[in-house]
Amino acid sequence: MATVIQFKRSSTQNDVPSVSDLALGELAVNTYHGRFYTEKNDGSASIVEVGSNPASLTINDAITFPTSDGSANQVLQTNGSGTLSFATLGGSGISIFKYTITSNTTSITGNDDDSNSLSYTIGSEQVFLNGVKLVDGGTDYTATNSTTITLAQNAISGDVVEVVAVTAADLVQGFFTASTFTATTANQVLSSNAVANKAIKYVINATHASAGTHAAEVLLINDGSSAYFVQYGDVFSNSSLFSLSADVNSGNMRLLVTPANTNTTIDTFQIRHS
């Protein structure tokens, strides 16, 4: 008769062994999830998970994946320090709706040929008939509302109408952060990026409920061990709301802030150069 070999095991959901449960190199299995664990020691003992259904996933002790899915059409992004997360992909700021006309009509509305529902901001649209740009204001068409274009003359079967909608005013895509600092403690982390980002340009905007608004631009660079910055273009409504410093810490180039008031909200727009 064949010998049955069994590992240490638990059928309890989310139960994970501790280093005191396993000898170095010994295996244990959680039969609820079908996950295996072993003890490793690289100077200090710890439990690691092995197998194809992990509760968490870290590659090469350097890249950590999120443990839950993002929203539809989101992508994975890195913080430059090995942690991945889901984020919404920036768009071009332009949407194009294409309608192939099947019967005479002056009304362009609803779903287009790709099942995208027409939506635009009045005054930020362009309309083309068979590739020819039409004039708005009632000459060739009227932007009746944000979901309908009304043509001055019928489009006939076989015509192609395209509506180009400018959906965003941002001309430059970058990295955005927003933080609220509840204390005036010196040198709090405003931004932290891997030293692989050799230069970063910031547009900084700080607001406070009673102290007003303060905006500035900053250029920050590093040589791998130290960080250097210049602050310029400062403008504020009442008085300065923050002071800045910079350093390199644990492989990250950091921009640090000392708020002048409690409960100051500071957002940054960053353009990064590697």
C-alpha atoms as a PDB file:
ATOM      1  CA  MET A   1       0.000   0.000   0.000  1.00  0.00           C
ATOM      2  CA  ALA A   2       1.288   3.474  -0.887  1.00  0.00           C
ATOM      3  CA  THR A   3       2.434   5.656   1.969  1.00  0.00           C
ATOM      4  CA  VAL A   4       0.494   8.894   2.465  1.00  0.00           C
ATOM      5  CA  ILE A   5       2.767  11.835   3.223  1.00  0.00           C
ATOM      6  CA  GLN A   6       1.047  14.794   4.839  1.00  0.00           C
ATOM      7  CA  PHE A   7       2.382  18.238   5.608  1.00  0.00           C
ATOM      8  CA  LYS A   8       1.498  20.350   8.581  1.00  0.00           C
ATOM      9  CA  ARG A   9      -1.862  21.815   7.704  1.00  0.00           C
ATOM     10  CA  SER A  10      -4.774  24.013   8.707  1.00  0.00           C
ATOM     11  CA  SER A  11      -8.285  24.227   7.296  1.00  0.00           C
ATOM     12  CA  THR A  12      -8.975  27.632   8.863  1.00  0.00           C
ATOM     13  CA  GLN A  13      -9.568  30.503   6.437  1.00  0.00           C
ATOM     14  CA  ASN A  14      -6.595  32.912   6.226  1.00  0.00           C
ATOM     15  CA  ASP A  15      -4.599  30.893   8.759  1.00  0.00           C
ATOM     16  CA  VAL A  16      -0.831  31.353   8.219  1.00  0.00           C
ATOM     17  CA  PRO A  17       1.901  29.505  10.169  1.00  0.00           C
ATOM     18  CA  SER A  18       4.408  31.397  12.287  1.00  0.00           C
ATOM     19  CA  VAL A  19       8.160  30.777  12.433  1.00  0.00           C
ATOM     20  CA  SER A  20       7.626  28.815  15.641  1.00  0.00           C
ATOM     21  CA  ASP A  21       5.323  26.387  13.776  1.00  0.00           C
ATOM     22  CA  LEU A  22       7.865  25.358  11.120  1.00  0.00           C
ATOM     23  CA  ALA A  23      11.453  24.230  10.974  1.00  0.00           C
ATOM     24  CA  LEU A  24      13.725  25.810   8.379  1.00  0.00           C
ATOM     25  CA  GLY A  25      12.678  24.427   4.972  1.00  0.00           C
ATOM     26  CA  GLU A  26       9.580  22.657   6.332  1.00  0.00           C
ATOM     27  CA  LEU A  27       6.300  23.015   4.416  1.00  0.00           C
ATOM     28  CA  ALA A  28       2.772  23.671   5.656  1.00  0.00           C
ATOM     29  CA  VAL A  29      -0.491  23.891   3.729  1.00  0.00           C
ATOM     30  CA  ASN A  30      -3.695  25.813   4.287  1.00  0.00           C
ATOM     31  CA  THR A  31      -6.289  23.413   2.863  1.00  0.00           C
ATOM     32  CA  TYR A  32      -9.007  26.085   2.797  1.00  0.00           C
ATOM     33  CA  HIS A  33      -7.123  28.135   0.177  1.00  0.00           C
ATOM     34  CA  GLY A  34      -4.692  25.522  -1.158  1.00  0.00           C
ATOM     35  CA  ARG A  35      -1.710  27.687  -0.221  1.00  0.00           C
ATOM     36  CA  PHE A  36       1.718  26.396   0.807  1.00  0.00           C
ATOM     37  CA  TYR A  37       4.102  28.085   3.210  1.00  0.00           C
ATOM     38  CA  THR A  38       7.717  27.521   4.188  1.00  0.00           C
ATOM     39  CA  GLU A  39      10.219  29.091   6.525  1.00  0.00           C
ATOM     40  CA  LYS A  40      13.211  30.925   5.105  1.00  0.00           C
ATOM     41  CA  ASN A  41      16.165  32.553   6.825  1.00  0.00           C
ATOM     42  CA  ASP A  42      18.258  35.297   5.209  1.00  0.00           C
ATOM     43  CA  GLY A  43      19.634  36.443   8.522  1.00  0.00           C
ATOM     44  CA  SER A  44      16.230  36.508  10.157  1.00  0.00           C
ATOM     45  CA  ALA A  45      13.576  33.806  10.031  1.00  0.00           C
ATOM     46  CA  SER A  46      10.295  34.513   8.246  1.00  0.00           C
ATOM     47  CA  ILE A  47       7.390  32.694   6.604  1.00  0.00           C
ATOM     48  CA  VAL A  48       6.975  32.948   2.828  1.00  0.00           C
ATOM     49  CA  GLU A  49       4.131  31.756   0.671  1.00  0.00           C
ATOM     50  CA  VAL A  50       4.662  29.452  -2.312  1.00  0.00           C
ATOM     51  CA  GLY A  51       2.199  28.185  -4.899  1.00  0.00           C
ATOM     52  CA  SER A  52      -0.130  29.470  -7.612  1.00  0.00           C
ATOM     53  CA  ASN A  53      -2.869  31.052  -5.488  1.00  0.00           C
ATOM     54  CA  PRO A  54      -1.015  33.550  -3.275  1.00  0.00           C
ATOM     55  CA  ALA A  55      -2.681  35.988  -0.910  1.00  0.00           C
ATOM     56  CA  SER A  56       0.021  38.491  -1.908  1.00  0.00           C
ATOM     57  CA  LEU A  57       2.695  38.534  -4.596  1.00  0.00           C
ATOM     58  CA  THR A  58       6.196  39.984  -4.382  1.00  0.00           C
ATOM     59  CA  ILE A  59       8.716  39.380  -7.168  1.00  0.00           C
ATOM     60  CA  ASN A  60      12.451  39.235  -6.482  1.00  0.00           C
ATOM     61  CA  ASP A  61      11.883  40.855  -3.052  1.00  0.00           C
ATOM     62  CA  ALA A  62      11.460  44.107  -4.966  1.00  0.00           C
ATOM     63  CA  ILE A  63       8.114  44.429  -6.776  1.00  0.00           C
ATOM     64  CA  THR A  64       4.874  44.116  -4.804  1.00  0.00           C
ATOM     65  CA  PHE A  65       1.560  43.627  -6.626  1.00  0.00           C
ATOM     66  CA  PRO A  66      -1.829  44.814  -5.268  1.00  0.00           C
ATOM     67  CA  THR A  67      -4.012  42.154  -3.639  1.00  0.00           C
ATOM     68  CA  SER A  68      -7.287  43.328  -5.211  1.00  0.00           C
ATOM     69  CA  ASP A  69      -8.396  44.322  -8.689  1.00  0.00           C
ATOM     70  CA  GLY A  70      -8.815  47.927  -9.796  1.00  0.00           C
ATOM     71  CA  SER A  71     -11.728  49.439 -11.685  1.00  0.00           C
ATOM     72  CA  ALA A  72     -12.542  48.802 -15.339  1.00  0.00           C
ATOM     73  CA  ASN A  73      -9.927  50.194 -17.769  1.00  0.00           C
ATOM     74  CA  GLN A  74      -7.439  51.073 -15.024  1.00  0.00           C
ATOM     75  CA  VAL A  75      -3.743  50.204 -15.430  1.00  0.00           C
ATOM     76  CA  LEU A  76      -0.924  49.229 -13.080  1.00  0.00           C
ATOM     77  CA  GLN A  77       1.452  52.022 -12.074  1.00  0.00           C
ATOM     78  CA  THR A  78       4.610  51.976  -9.955  1.00  0.00           C
ATOM     79  CA  ASN A  79       5.635  54.411  -7.228  1.00  0.00           C
ATOM     80  CA  GLY A  80       9.252  53.994  -8.325  1.00  0.00           C
ATOM     81  CA  SER A  81      10.055  52.042  -5.165  1.00  0.00           C
ATOM     82  CA  GLY A  82       8.651  48.618  -6.082  1.00  0.00           C
ATOM     83  CA  THR A  83       4.985  49.016  -5.114  1.00  0.00           C
ATOM     84  CA  LEU A  84       2.415  48.620  -7.896  1.00  0.00           C
ATOM     85  CA  SER A  85      -1.129  49.961  -7.728  1.00  0.00           C
ATOM     86  CA  PHE A  86      -4.072  50.480 -10.036  1.00  0.00           C
ATOM     87  CA  ALA A  87      -4.630  53.952 -11.503  1.00  0.00           C
ATOM     88  CA  THR A  88      -6.797  55.567 -14.130  1.00  0.00           C
ATOM     89  CA  LEU A  89      -4.952  56.053 -17.398  1.00  0.00           C
ATOM     90  CA  GLY A  90      -4.784  59.658 -18.506  1.00  0.00           C
ATOM     91  CA  GLY A  91      -6.716  60.366 -21.670  1.00  0.00           C
ATOM     92  CA  SER A  92      -5.891  62.572 -24.638  1.00  0.00           C
ATOM     93  CA  GLY A  93      -8.607  65.054 -23.690  1.00  0.00           C
ATOM     94  CA  ILE A  94     -10.345  64.470 -27.038  1.00  0.00           C
ATOM     95  CA  SER A  95     -13.258  62.159 -27.868  1.00  0.00           C
ATOM     96  CA  ILE A  96     -14.363  61.480 -31.455  1.00  0.00           C
ATOM     97  CA  PHE A  97     -17.901  60.263 -32.197  1.00  0.00           C
ATOM     98  CA  LYS A  98     -18.557  58.845 -35.673  1.00  0.00           C
ATOM     99  CA  TYR A  99     -22.057  58.403 -37.112  1.00  0.00           C
ATOM    100  CA  THR A 100     -22.760  56.661 -40.419  1.00  0.00           C
ATOM    101  CA  ILE A 101     -26.144  58.004 -41.499  1.00  0.00           C
ATOM    102  CA  THR A 102     -28.734  55.402 -42.553  1.00  0.00           C
ATOM    103  CA  SER A 103     -31.709  57.697 -43.195  1.00  0.00           C
ATOM    104  CA  ASN A 104     -32.166  61.425 -43.726  1.00  0.00           C
ATOM    105  CA  THR A 105     -31.849  63.342 -40.467  1.00  0.00           C
ATOM    106  CA  THR A 106     -30.722  66.637 -38.954  1.00  0.00           C
ATOM    107  CA  SER A 107     -30.336  65.238 -35.436  1.00  0.00           C
ATOM    108  CA  ILE A 108     -27.047  63.685 -34.392  1.00  0.00           C
ATOM    109  CA  THR A 109     -27.431  62.115 -30.950  1.00  0.00           C
ATOM    110  CA  GLY A 110     -27.264  58.861 -28.986  1.00  0.00           C
ATOM    111  CA  ASN A 111     -24.791  56.050 -29.569  1.00  0.00           C
ATOM    112  CA  ASP A 112     -22.313  56.318 -32.441  1.00  0.00           C
ATOM    113  CA  ASP A 113     -20.961  53.551 -34.682  1.00  0.00           C
ATOM    114  CA  ASP A 114     -18.853  52.267 -31.756  1.00  0.00           C
ATOM    115  CA  SER A 115     -21.741  52.402 -29.251  1.00  0.00           C
ATOM    116  CA  ASN A 116     -20.317  55.484 -27.512  1.00  0.00           C
ATOM    117  CA  SER A 117     -22.999  57.917 -26.367  1.00  0.00           C
ATOM    118  CA  LEU A 118     -22.518  61.472 -27.643  1.00  0.00           C
ATOM    119  CA  SER A 119     -21.416  63.902 -24.946  1.00  0.00           C
ATOM    120  CA  TYR A 120     -19.634  67.226 -25.388  1.00  0.00           C
ATOM    121  CA  THR A 121     -19.239  70.686 -23.887  1.00  0.00           C
ATOM    122  CA  ILE A 122     -20.975  73.372 -25.915  1.00  0.00           C
ATOM    123  CA  GLY A 123     -18.356  75.576 -27.513  1.00  0.00           C
ATOM    124  CA  SER A 124     -15.671  72.895 -27.252  1.00  0.00           C
ATOM    125  CA  GLU A 125     -16.885  70.757 -30.141  1.00  0.00           C
ATOM    126  CA  GLN A 126     -16.143  70.510 -33.858  1.00  0.00           C
ATOM    127  CA  VAL A 127     -18.437  68.844 -36.398  1.00  0.00           C
ATOM    128  CA  PHE A 128     -17.395  67.317 -39.733  1.00  0.00           C
ATOM    129  CA  LEU A 129     -19.646  66.092 -42.566  1.00  0.00           C
ATOM    130  CA  ASN A 130     -17.849  63.684 -44.906  1.00  0.00           C
ATOM    131  CA  GLY A 131     -14.573  65.209 -43.730  1.00  0.00           C
ATOM    132  CA  VAL A 132     -15.621  68.846 -44.256  1.00  0.00           C
ATOM    133  CA  LYS A 133     -15.633  71.023 -41.134  1.00  0.00           C
ATOM    134  CA  LEU A 134     -19.002  72.636 -40.480  1.00  0.00           C
ATOM    135  CA  VAL A 135     -19.611  76.122 -39.088  1.00  0.00           C
ATOM    136  CA  ASP A 136     -21.511  76.349 -35.827  1.00  0.00           C
ATOM    137  CA  GLY A 137     -23.907  78.992 -34.512  1.00  0.00           C
ATOM    138  CA  GLY A 138     -26.742  77.866 -36.784  1.00  0.00           C
ATOM    139  CA  THR A 139     -24.877  78.327 -40.074  1.00  0.00           C
ATOM    140  CA  ASP A 140     -24.238  74.613 -40.628  1.00  0.00           C
ATOM    141  CA  TYR A 141     -25.219  73.219 -37.250  1.00  0.00           C
ATOM    142  CA  THR A 142     -26.355  74.165 -33.759  1.00  0.00           C
ATOM    143  CA  ALA A 143     -24.956  72.707 -30.558  1.00  0.00           C
ATOM    144  CA  THR A 144     -28.448  72.167 -29.169  1.00  0.00           C
ATOM    145  CA  ASN A 145     -27.315  70.671 -25.862  1.00  0.00           C
ATOM    146  CA  SER A 146     -24.453  68.534 -24.571  1.00  0.00           C
ATOM    147  CA  THR A 147     -25.879  65.364 -26.157  1.00  0.00           C
ATOM    148  CA  THR A 148     -27.335  66.508 -29.498  1.00  0.00           C
ATOM    149  CA  ILE A 149     -26.004  68.243 -32.623  1.00  0.00           C
ATOM    150  CA  THR A 150     -28.709  69.675 -34.901  1.00  0.00           C
ATOM    151  CA  LEU A 151     -27.693  70.108 -38.554  1.00  0.00           C
ATOM    152  CA  ALA A 152     -29.055  73.016 -40.626  1.00  0.00           C
ATOM    153  CA  GLN A 153     -29.627  70.640 -43.569  1.00  0.00           C
ATOM    154  CA  ASN A 154     -30.383  66.942 -43.694  1.00  0.00           C
ATOM    155  CA  ALA A 155     -27.533  64.478 -43.667  1.00  0.00           C
ATOM    156  CA  ILE A 156     -28.532  61.749 -46.122  1.00  0.00           C
ATOM    157  CA  SER A 157     -28.036  58.007 -46.105  1.00  0.00           C
ATOM    158  CA  GLY A 158     -24.368  57.132 -46.512  1.00  0.00           C
ATOM    159  CA  ASP A 159     -23.052  60.427 -45.103  1.00  0.00           C
ATOM    160  CA  VAL A 160     -20.560  60.279 -42.244  1.00  0.00           C
ATOM    161  CA  VAL A 161     -20.831  62.820 -39.431  1.00  0.00           C
ATOM    162  CA  GLU A 162     -18.015  63.135 -36.916  1.00  0.00           C
ATOM    163  CA  VAL A 163     -18.221  65.117 -33.684  1.00  0.00           C
ATOM    164  CA  VAL A 164     -14.873  65.957 -32.083  1.00  0.00           C
ATOM    165  CA  ALA A 165     -15.359  66.777 -28.393  1.00  0.00           C
ATOM    166  CA  VAL A 166     -12.622  68.363 -26.301  1.00  0.00           C
ATOM    167  CA  THR A 167     -13.193  66.698 -22.937  1.00  0.00           C
ATOM    168  CA  ALA A 168     -10.292  68.137 -20.943  1.00  0.00           C
ATOM    169  CA  ALA A 169      -8.383  71.387 -20.885  1.00  0.00           C
ATOM    170  CA  ASP A 170      -5.123  69.882 -19.596  1.00  0.00           C
ATOM    171  CA  LEU A 171      -2.490  70.105 -22.312  1.00  0.00           C
ATOM    172  CA  VAL A 172       0.248  68.339 -20.301  1.00  0.00           C
ATOM    173  CA  GLN A 173      -0.131  65.046 -18.491  1.00  0.00           C
ATOM    174  CA  GLY A 174       1.911  64.370 -15.381  1.00  0.00           C
ATOM    175  CA  PHE A 175       1.730  63.201 -11.791  1.00  0.00           C
ATOM    176  CA  PHE A 176      -0.657  64.760  -9.285  1.00  0.00           C
ATOM    177  CA  THR A 177      -0.647  64.534  -5.492  1.00  0.00           C
ATOM    178  CA  ALA A 178      -2.889  66.103  -2.861  1.00  0.00           C
ATOM    179  CA  SER A 179      -2.149  66.081   0.871  1.00  0.00           C
ATOM    180  CA  THR A 180      -3.555  67.731   3.976  1.00  0.00           C
ATOM    181  CA  PHE A 181      -1.022  68.502   6.723  1.00  0.00           C
ATOM    182  CA  THR A 182      -2.688  68.705  10.117  1.00  0.00           C
ATOM    183  CA  ALA A 183       0.477  69.831  11.951  1.00  0.00           C
ATOM    184  CA  THR A 184       3.184  72.439  11.395  1.00  0.00           C
ATOM    185  CA  THR A 185       5.932  69.877  12.024  1.00  0.00           C
ATOM    186  CA  ALA A 186       9.113  70.632  10.079  1.00  0.00           C
ATOM    187  CA  ASN A 187      10.182  68.592   7.056  1.00  0.00           C
ATOM    188  CA  GLN A 188       7.083  66.490   6.437  1.00  0.00           C
ATOM    189  CA  VAL A 189       7.172  64.473   3.199  1.00  0.00           C
ATOM    190  CA  LEU A 190       5.386  66.304   0.403  1.00  0.00           C
ATOM    191  CA  SER A 191       6.692  64.090  -2.423  1.00  0.00           C
ATOM    192  CA  SER A 192       8.895  60.994  -2.585  1.00  0.00           C
ATOM    193  CA  ASN A 193      10.219  59.484  -5.822  1.00  0.00           C
ATOM    194  CA  ALA A 194      13.000  57.063  -6.691  1.00  0.00           C
ATOM    195  CA  VAL A 195      16.418  58.607  -7.328  1.00  0.00           C
ATOM    196  CA  ALA A 196      16.068  57.254 -10.905  1.00  0.00           C
ATOM    197  CA  ASN A 197      13.967  60.409 -11.434  1.00  0.00           C
ATOM    198  CA  LYS A 198      16.974  62.698 -11.757  1.00  0.00           C
ATOM    199  CA  ALA A 199      14.928  65.879 -12.129  1.00  0.00           C
ATOM    200  CA  ILE A 200      11.344  66.819 -11.263  1.00  0.00           C
ATOM    201  CA  LYS A 201       9.507  70.066 -11.895  1.00  0.00           C
ATOM    202  CA  TYR A 202       6.691  70.868  -9.462  1.00  0.00           C
ATOM    203  CA  VAL A 203       3.815  73.305  -9.572  1.00  0.00           C
ATOM    204  CA  ILE A 204       2.741  73.587  -5.930  1.00  0.00           C
ATOM    205  CA  ASN A 205      -0.527  75.063  -4.660  1.00  0.00           C
ATOM    206  CA  ALA A 206      -1.297  75.395  -0.935  1.00  0.00           C
ATOM    207  CA  THR A 207      -4.615  76.521   0.527  1.00  0.00           C
ATOM    208  CA  HIS A 208      -5.807  77.246   4.039  1.00  0.00           C
ATOM    209  CA  ALA A 209      -9.326  78.105   5.204  1.00  0.00           C
ATOM    210  CA  SER A 210      -8.320  81.449   6.754  1.00  0.00           C
ATOM    211  CA  ALA A 211      -4.690  82.053   5.705  1.00  0.00           C
ATOM    212  CA  GLY A 212      -5.354  82.096   1.955  1.00  0.00           C
ATOM    213  CA  THR A 213      -3.486  80.602  -0.999  1.00  0.00           C
ATOM    214  CA  HIS A 214       0.206  80.171  -1.826  1.00  0.00           C
ATOM    215  CA  ALA A 215       1.538  78.889  -5.168  1.00  0.00           C
ATOM    216  CA  ALA A 216       5.113  78.299  -6.333  1.00  0.00           C
ATOM    217  CA  GLU A 217       7.239  76.312  -8.774  1.00  0.00           C
ATOM    218  CA  VAL A 218      10.172  74.087  -7.806  1.00  0.00           C
ATOM    219  CA  LEU A 219      12.963  72.300  -9.683  1.00  0.00           C
ATOM    220  CA  LEU A 220      14.397  69.323  -7.769  1.00  0.00           C
ATOM    221  CA  ILE A 221      17.412  67.220  -8.792  1.00  0.00           C
ATOM    222  CA  ASN A 222      19.636  64.583  -7.188  1.00  0.00           C
ATOM    223  CA  ASP A 223      23.061  62.995  -7.697  1.00  0.00           C
ATOM    224  CA  GLY A 224      22.105  59.706  -6.049  1.00  0.00           C
ATOM    225  CA  SER A 225      23.131  60.729  -2.538  1.00  0.00           C
ATOM    226  CA  SER A 226      21.974  64.340  -2.138  1.00  0.00           C
ATOM    227  CA  ALA A 227      19.062  66.421  -3.432  1.00  0.00           C
ATOM    228  CA  TYR A 228      19.103  70.045  -4.574  1.00  0.00           C
ATOM    229  CA  PHE A 229      16.196  72.357  -5.352  1.00  0.00           C
ATOM    230  CA  VAL A 230      15.316  75.897  -6.357  1.00  0.00           C
ATOM    231  CA  GLN A 231      11.971  77.538  -5.501  1.00  0.00           C
ATOM    232  CA  TYR A 232      10.688  80.376  -7.659  1.00  0.00           C
ATOM    233  CA  GLY A 233       7.583  82.165  -8.878  1.00  0.00           C
ATOM    234  CA  ASP A 234       6.116  82.411  -5.378  1.00  0.00           C
ATOM    235  CA  VAL A 235       2.788  84.198  -5.113  1.00  0.00           C
ATOM    236  CA  PHE A 236       0.438  84.253  -2.117  1.00  0.00           C
ATOM    237  CA  SER A 237      -2.750  86.049  -1.149  1.00  0.00           C
ATOM    238  CA  ASN A 238      -1.890  86.865   2.473  1.00  0.00           C
ATOM    239  CA  SER A 239       1.423  85.358   3.556  1.00  0.00           C
ATOM    240  CA  SER A 240       3.646  82.365   2.824  1.00  0.00           C
ATOM    241  CA  LEU A 241       1.970  79.076   3.744  1.00  0.00           C
ATOM    242  CA  PHE A 242       5.010  76.785   3.592  1.00  0.00           C
ATOM    243  CA  SER A 243       8.769  76.415   3.391  1.00  0.00           C
ATOM    244  CA  LEU A 244      10.575  73.591   1.591  1.00  0.00           C
ATOM    245  CA  SER A 245      13.685  71.437   1.904  1.00  0.00           C
ATOM    246  CA  ALA A 246      14.935  68.308   0.106  1.00  0.00           C
ATOM    247  CA  ASP A 247      16.962  65.152   0.761  1.00  0.00           C
ATOM    248  CA  VAL A 248      17.692  61.616  -0.443  1.00  0.00           C
ATOM    249  CA  ASN A 249      16.366  58.976   1.941  1.00  0.00           C
ATOM    250  CA  SER A 250      16.404  55.176   1.458  1.00  0.00           C
ATOM    251  CA  GLY A 251      16.894  55.527  -2.289  1.00  0.00           C
ATOM    252  CA  ASN A 252      14.176  58.153  -2.707  1.00  0.00           C
ATOM    253  CA  MET A 253      14.505  61.817  -3.653  1.00  0.00           C
ATOM    254  CA  ARG A 254      12.182  63.693  -1.303  1.00  0.00           C
ATOM    255  CA  LEU A 255      10.672  67.160  -1.297  1.00  0.00           C
ATOM    256  CA  LEU A 256       9.880  68.121   2.310  1.00  0.00           C
ATOM    257  CA  VAL A 257       7.500  70.786   3.559  1.00  0.00           C
ATOM    258  CA  THR A 258       7.009  72.762   6.742  1.00  0.00           C
ATOM    259  CA  PRO A 259       3.467  74.213   6.756  1.00  0.00           C
ATOM    260  CA  ALA A 260       3.005  77.615   8.396  1.00  0.00           C
ATOM    261  CA  ASN A 261      -0.476  76.636   9.616  1.00  0.00           C
ATOM    262  CA  THR A 262      -2.253  73.500  10.735  1.00  0.00           C
ATOM    263  CA  ASN A 263      -4.723  71.886   8.323  1.00  0.00           C
ATOM    264  CA  THR A 264      -3.028  73.171   5.185  1.00  0.00           C
ATOM    265  CA  THR A 265      -3.912  71.396   1.935  1.00  0.00           C
ATOM    266  CA  ILE A 266      -1.096  71.186  -0.626  1.00  0.00           C
ATOM    267  CA  ASP A 267      -1.354  69.695  -4.099  1.00  0.00           C
ATOM    268  CA  THR A 268       1.438  69.214  -6.614  1.00  0.00           C
ATOM    269  CA  PHE A 269       1.644  68.695 -10.349  1.00  0.00           C
ATOM    270  CA  GLN A 270       4.896  66.998 -11.333  1.00  0.00           C
ATOM    271  CA  ILE A 271       6.785  66.594 -14.589  1.00  0.00           C
ATOM    272  CA  ARG A 272       9.437  63.903 -14.120  1.00  0.00           C
ATOM    273  CA  HIS A 273      12.671  63.343 -16.026  1.00  0.00           C
ATOM    274  CA  SER A 274      14.760  60.170 -15.703  1.00  0.00           C
END
